[in-house]
Amino acid sequence: MTPTQVWSTAAGAAALSVVLGGIVLPVAFFFAYAFRDTVDVDQHAVFLTGVLVLAAVTAGIAWVVCAAATGQPRAAGVVVGAATAATYATALAVGTVVSFANEDQGSVTADQPSLPFVALIGLCLVVIAVGVRALVRAGRPSVSRG
């Protein structure tokens, strides 16, 4: 893939992630946490599973489109996977930080041990860093030896 194809594929996958995530993540959040007097591990597991499924569906849709457009399914898969993972990890990390900031208003992290959420934020940061690194590597112009 050319650098232009890499960055347009990454932008398309990220945009699709934002659109689908903006629609479906609130529904997943509502499904996992709504009308609960107490939040426990089961609700967190349902929500995180929803995020993973949505990310996989988003990546699959973006991969089919981008692989067909570029004719390079393997390269498109790397770019789409990296962009989608980094986008959803960013949303999850920001959402967790916002929840921490609003614990006094009864957010889902209220009355919960902080360590798992801090670990989740750390994991998200690692996923973001790996995704961005993969995109930067894929977007570098290749030098062919001749």
C-alpha atoms as a PDB file:
ATOM      1  CA  MET A   1       0.000   0.000   0.000  1.00  0.00           C
ATOM      2  CA  THR A   2       1.151   3.497  -0.700  1.00  0.00           C
ATOM      3  CA  PRO A   3       1.434   5.923   2.220  1.00  0.00           C
ATOM      4  CA  THR A   4      -1.662   7.732   0.906  1.00  0.00           C
ATOM      5  CA  GLN A   5      -3.614   4.469   0.873  1.00  0.00           C
ATOM      6  CA  VAL A   6      -2.414   3.639   4.384  1.00  0.00           C
ATOM      7  CA  TRP A   7      -3.498   6.953   5.861  1.00  0.00           C
ATOM      8  CA  SER A   8      -6.798   7.104   3.979  1.00  0.00           C
ATOM      9  CA  THR A   9      -7.544   3.519   5.069  1.00  0.00           C
ATOM     10  CA  ALA A  10      -6.640   4.387   8.664  1.00  0.00           C
ATOM     11  CA  ALA A  11      -8.794   7.525   8.561  1.00  0.00           C
ATOM     12  CA  GLY A  12     -11.715   5.571   7.110  1.00  0.00           C
ATOM     13  CA  ALA A  13     -11.438   2.839   9.739  1.00  0.00           C
ATOM     14  CA  ALA A  14     -11.183   5.417  12.526  1.00  0.00           C
ATOM     15  CA  ALA A  15     -14.177   7.337  11.163  1.00  0.00           C
ATOM     16  CA  LEU A  16     -16.229   4.156  10.936  1.00  0.00           C
ATOM     17  CA  SER A  17     -15.188   3.343  14.508  1.00  0.00           C
ATOM     18  CA  VAL A  18     -16.341   6.747  15.707  1.00  0.00           C
ATOM     19  CA  VAL A  19     -19.676   6.523  13.890  1.00  0.00           C
ATOM     20  CA  LEU A  20     -20.516   2.949  14.904  1.00  0.00           C
ATOM     21  CA  GLY A  21     -19.079   3.438  18.381  1.00  0.00           C
ATOM     22  CA  GLY A  22     -21.067   6.615  18.847  1.00  0.00           C
ATOM     23  CA  ILE A  23     -24.248   4.730  18.055  1.00  0.00           C
ATOM     24  CA  VAL A  24     -23.653   1.316  19.626  1.00  0.00           C
ATOM     25  CA  LEU A  25     -21.440   2.003  22.666  1.00  0.00           C
ATOM     26  CA  PRO A  26     -24.124   4.009  24.490  1.00  0.00           C
ATOM     27  CA  VAL A  27     -26.508   1.116  23.865  1.00  0.00           C
ATOM     28  CA  ALA A  28     -23.947  -1.386  25.195  1.00  0.00           C
ATOM     29  CA  PHE A  29     -23.353   0.854  28.202  1.00  0.00           C
ATOM     30  CA  PHE A  30     -27.080   1.100  28.860  1.00  0.00           C
ATOM     31  CA  PHE A  31     -27.538  -2.653  28.429  1.00  0.00           C
ATOM     32  CA  ALA A  32     -24.713  -3.419  30.862  1.00  0.00           C
ATOM     33  CA  TYR A  33     -25.366  -0.831  33.566  1.00  0.00           C
ATOM     34  CA  ALA A  34     -28.929   0.508  33.372  1.00  0.00           C
ATOM     35  CA  PHE A  35     -31.255   0.111  36.319  1.00  0.00           C
ATOM     36  CA  ARG A  36     -28.596  -1.502  38.504  1.00  0.00           C
ATOM     37  CA  ASP A  37     -28.470  -0.499  42.139  1.00  0.00           C
ATOM     38  CA  THR A  38     -25.033  -2.028  42.492  1.00  0.00           C
ATOM     39  CA  VAL A  39     -22.457  -2.571  39.792  1.00  0.00           C
ATOM     40  CA  ASP A  40     -20.323  -5.680  39.921  1.00  0.00           C
ATOM     41  CA  VAL A  41     -17.875  -7.537  37.724  1.00  0.00           C
ATOM     42  CA  ASP A  42     -20.614  -9.093  35.592  1.00  0.00           C
ATOM     43  CA  GLN A  43     -21.785  -5.719  34.298  1.00  0.00           C
ATOM     44  CA  HIS A  44     -18.215  -4.663  33.498  1.00  0.00           C
ATOM     45  CA  ALA A  45     -17.662  -7.962  31.652  1.00  0.00           C
ATOM     46  CA  VAL A  46     -20.835  -7.461  29.594  1.00  0.00           C
ATOM     47  CA  PHE A  47     -19.793  -3.945  28.625  1.00  0.00           C
ATOM     48  CA  LEU A  48     -16.197  -4.864  27.756  1.00  0.00           C
ATOM     49  CA  THR A  49     -17.420  -7.841  25.727  1.00  0.00           C
ATOM     50  CA  GLY A  50     -19.732  -5.489  23.852  1.00  0.00           C
ATOM     51  CA  VAL A  51     -16.812  -3.170  23.108  1.00  0.00           C
ATOM     52  CA  LEU A  52     -14.693  -6.049  21.805  1.00  0.00           C
ATOM     53  CA  VAL A  53     -17.506  -7.396  19.610  1.00  0.00           C
ATOM     54  CA  LEU A  54     -18.226  -3.948  18.215  1.00  0.00           C
ATOM     55  CA  ALA A  55     -14.529  -3.354  17.502  1.00  0.00           C
ATOM     56  CA  ALA A  56     -14.320  -6.708  15.690  1.00  0.00           C
ATOM     57  CA  VAL A  57     -17.428  -5.955  13.612  1.00  0.00           C
ATOM     58  CA  THR A  58     -16.131  -2.476  12.780  1.00  0.00           C
ATOM     59  CA  ALA A  59     -12.735  -3.852  11.751  1.00  0.00           C
ATOM     60  CA  GLY A  60     -14.382  -6.529   9.646  1.00  0.00           C
ATOM     61  CA  ILE A  61     -16.532  -4.056   7.760  1.00  0.00           C
ATOM     62  CA  ALA A  62     -13.633  -1.661   7.225  1.00  0.00           C
ATOM     63  CA  TRP A  63     -11.318  -4.491   6.163  1.00  0.00           C
ATOM     64  CA  VAL A  64     -13.721  -5.786   3.499  1.00  0.00           C
ATOM     65  CA  VAL A  65     -14.094  -2.313   2.015  1.00  0.00           C
ATOM     66  CA  CYS A  66     -10.421  -1.384   2.205  1.00  0.00           C
ATOM     67  CA  ALA A  67      -9.127  -4.748   0.984  1.00  0.00           C
ATOM     68  CA  ALA A  68     -11.378  -4.496  -2.063  1.00  0.00           C
ATOM     69  CA  ALA A  69     -10.375  -0.892  -2.702  1.00  0.00           C
ATOM     70  CA  THR A  70      -6.619  -1.450  -2.394  1.00  0.00           C
ATOM     71  CA  GLY A  71      -6.357  -5.026  -3.619  1.00  0.00           C
ATOM     72  CA  GLN A  72      -4.043  -5.760  -0.700  1.00  0.00           C
ATOM     73  CA  PRO A  73      -6.044  -7.628   1.943  1.00  0.00           C
ATOM     74  CA  ARG A  74      -3.134  -8.361   4.266  1.00  0.00           C
ATOM     75  CA  ALA A  75      -1.847  -4.790   4.363  1.00  0.00           C
ATOM     76  CA  ALA A  76      -5.395  -3.435   4.669  1.00  0.00           C
ATOM     77  CA  GLY A  77      -5.976  -5.808   7.590  1.00  0.00           C
ATOM     78  CA  VAL A  78      -2.957  -4.484   9.469  1.00  0.00           C
ATOM     79  CA  VAL A  79      -3.922  -0.856   8.918  1.00  0.00           C
ATOM     80  CA  VAL A  80      -7.612  -1.360   9.681  1.00  0.00           C
ATOM     81  CA  GLY A  81      -6.847  -3.439  12.767  1.00  0.00           C
ATOM     82  CA  ALA A  82      -4.386  -0.893  14.118  1.00  0.00           C
ATOM     83  CA  ALA A  83      -6.663   2.096  13.476  1.00  0.00           C
ATOM     84  CA  THR A  84      -9.761   0.402  14.868  1.00  0.00           C
ATOM     85  CA  ALA A  85      -7.998  -0.893  17.976  1.00  0.00           C
ATOM     86  CA  ALA A  86      -6.407   2.481  18.690  1.00  0.00           C
ATOM     87  CA  THR A  87      -9.720   4.306  18.230  1.00  0.00           C
ATOM     88  CA  TYR A  88     -11.739   2.017  20.508  1.00  0.00           C
ATOM     89  CA  ALA A  89      -8.931   1.916  23.090  1.00  0.00           C
ATOM     90  CA  THR A  90      -8.907   5.716  23.138  1.00  0.00           C
ATOM     91  CA  ALA A  91     -12.674   5.830  23.676  1.00  0.00           C
ATOM     92  CA  LEU A  92     -12.480   3.232  26.441  1.00  0.00           C
ATOM     93  CA  ALA A  93      -9.604   4.993  28.219  1.00  0.00           C
ATOM     94  CA  VAL A  94     -11.302   8.399  28.014  1.00  0.00           C
ATOM     95  CA  GLY A  95     -14.582   6.923  29.222  1.00  0.00           C
ATOM     96  CA  THR A  96     -12.873   5.303  32.193  1.00  0.00           C
ATOM     97  CA  VAL A  97     -11.119   8.548  33.134  1.00  0.00           C
ATOM     98  CA  VAL A  98     -14.440  10.419  32.876  1.00  0.00           C
ATOM     99  CA  SER A  99     -16.066   7.787  35.071  1.00  0.00           C
ATOM    100  CA  PHE A 100     -13.292   8.227  37.652  1.00  0.00           C
ATOM    101  CA  ALA A 101     -13.826  11.985  37.565  1.00  0.00           C
ATOM    102  CA  ASN A 102     -17.547  11.560  38.255  1.00  0.00           C
ATOM    103  CA  GLU A 103     -17.504   8.969  41.021  1.00  0.00           C
ATOM    104  CA  ASP A 104     -19.196  11.436  43.371  1.00  0.00           C
ATOM    105  CA  GLN A 105     -22.199  11.316  41.007  1.00  0.00           C
ATOM    106  CA  GLY A 106     -22.481   7.522  41.169  1.00  0.00           C
ATOM    107  CA  SER A 107     -20.536   6.557  38.037  1.00  0.00           C
ATOM    108  CA  VAL A 108     -19.846   2.902  37.273  1.00  0.00           C
ATOM    109  CA  THR A 109     -16.442   3.097  38.948  1.00  0.00           C
ATOM    110  CA  ALA A 110     -17.903   4.429  42.201  1.00  0.00           C
ATOM    111  CA  ASP A 111     -17.603   2.025  45.117  1.00  0.00           C
ATOM    112  CA  GLN A 112     -15.287  -0.163  43.029  1.00  0.00           C
ATOM    113  CA  PRO A 113     -11.605  -0.917  43.553  1.00  0.00           C
ATOM    114  CA  SER A 114      -9.521   1.451  41.438  1.00  0.00           C
ATOM    115  CA  LEU A 115      -6.768  -0.975  40.435  1.00  0.00           C
ATOM    116  CA  PRO A 116      -8.698  -2.836  37.686  1.00  0.00           C
ATOM    117  CA  PHE A 117      -9.712   0.446  36.080  1.00  0.00           C
ATOM    118  CA  VAL A 118      -6.190   1.836  36.277  1.00  0.00           C
ATOM    119  CA  ALA A 119      -4.968  -1.409  34.679  1.00  0.00           C
ATOM    120  CA  LEU A 120      -7.612  -1.035  31.959  1.00  0.00           C
ATOM    121  CA  ILE A 121      -6.422   2.498  31.216  1.00  0.00           C
ATOM    122  CA  GLY A 122      -2.826   1.235  31.093  1.00  0.00           C
ATOM    123  CA  LEU A 123      -3.806  -1.563  28.709  1.00  0.00           C
ATOM    124  CA  CYS A 124      -5.637   0.935  26.517  1.00  0.00           C
ATOM    125  CA  LEU A 125      -2.543   3.135  26.389  1.00  0.00           C
ATOM    126  CA  VAL A 126      -0.448   0.143  25.294  1.00  0.00           C
ATOM    127  CA  VAL A 127      -2.985  -0.735  22.569  1.00  0.00           C
ATOM    128  CA  ILE A 128      -2.989   2.879  21.384  1.00  0.00           C
ATOM    129  CA  ALA A 129       0.825   2.995  21.275  1.00  0.00           C
ATOM    130  CA  VAL A 130       1.086  -0.314  19.400  1.00  0.00           C
ATOM    131  CA  GLY A 131      -1.636   0.742  16.952  1.00  0.00           C
ATOM    132  CA  VAL A 132      -0.035   4.113  16.250  1.00  0.00           C
ATOM    133  CA  ARG A 133       3.382   2.471  15.822  1.00  0.00           C
ATOM    134  CA  ALA A 134       1.915  -0.018  13.333  1.00  0.00           C
ATOM    135  CA  LEU A 135       0.278   2.803  11.393  1.00  0.00           C
ATOM    136  CA  VAL A 136       3.461   4.854  11.298  1.00  0.00           C
ATOM    137  CA  ARG A 137       5.449   1.845  10.091  1.00  0.00           C
ATOM    138  CA  ALA A 138       2.863   0.977   7.458  1.00  0.00           C
ATOM    139  CA  GLY A 139       2.654   4.601   6.300  1.00  0.00           C
ATOM    140  CA  ARG A 140       6.344   5.034   5.655  1.00  0.00           C
ATOM    141  CA  PRO A 141       7.233   5.072   2.012  1.00  0.00           C
ATOM    142  CA  SER A 142       8.997   1.843   1.111  1.00  0.00           C
ATOM    143  CA  VAL A 143      12.311   1.932  -0.656  1.00  0.00           C
ATOM    144  CA  SER A 144      12.720  -0.774  -3.232  1.00  0.00           C
ATOM    145  CA  ARG A 145      16.162  -1.992  -4.034  1.00  0.00           C
ATOM    146  CA  GLY A 146      16.939  -2.357  -7.644  1.00  0.00           C
END
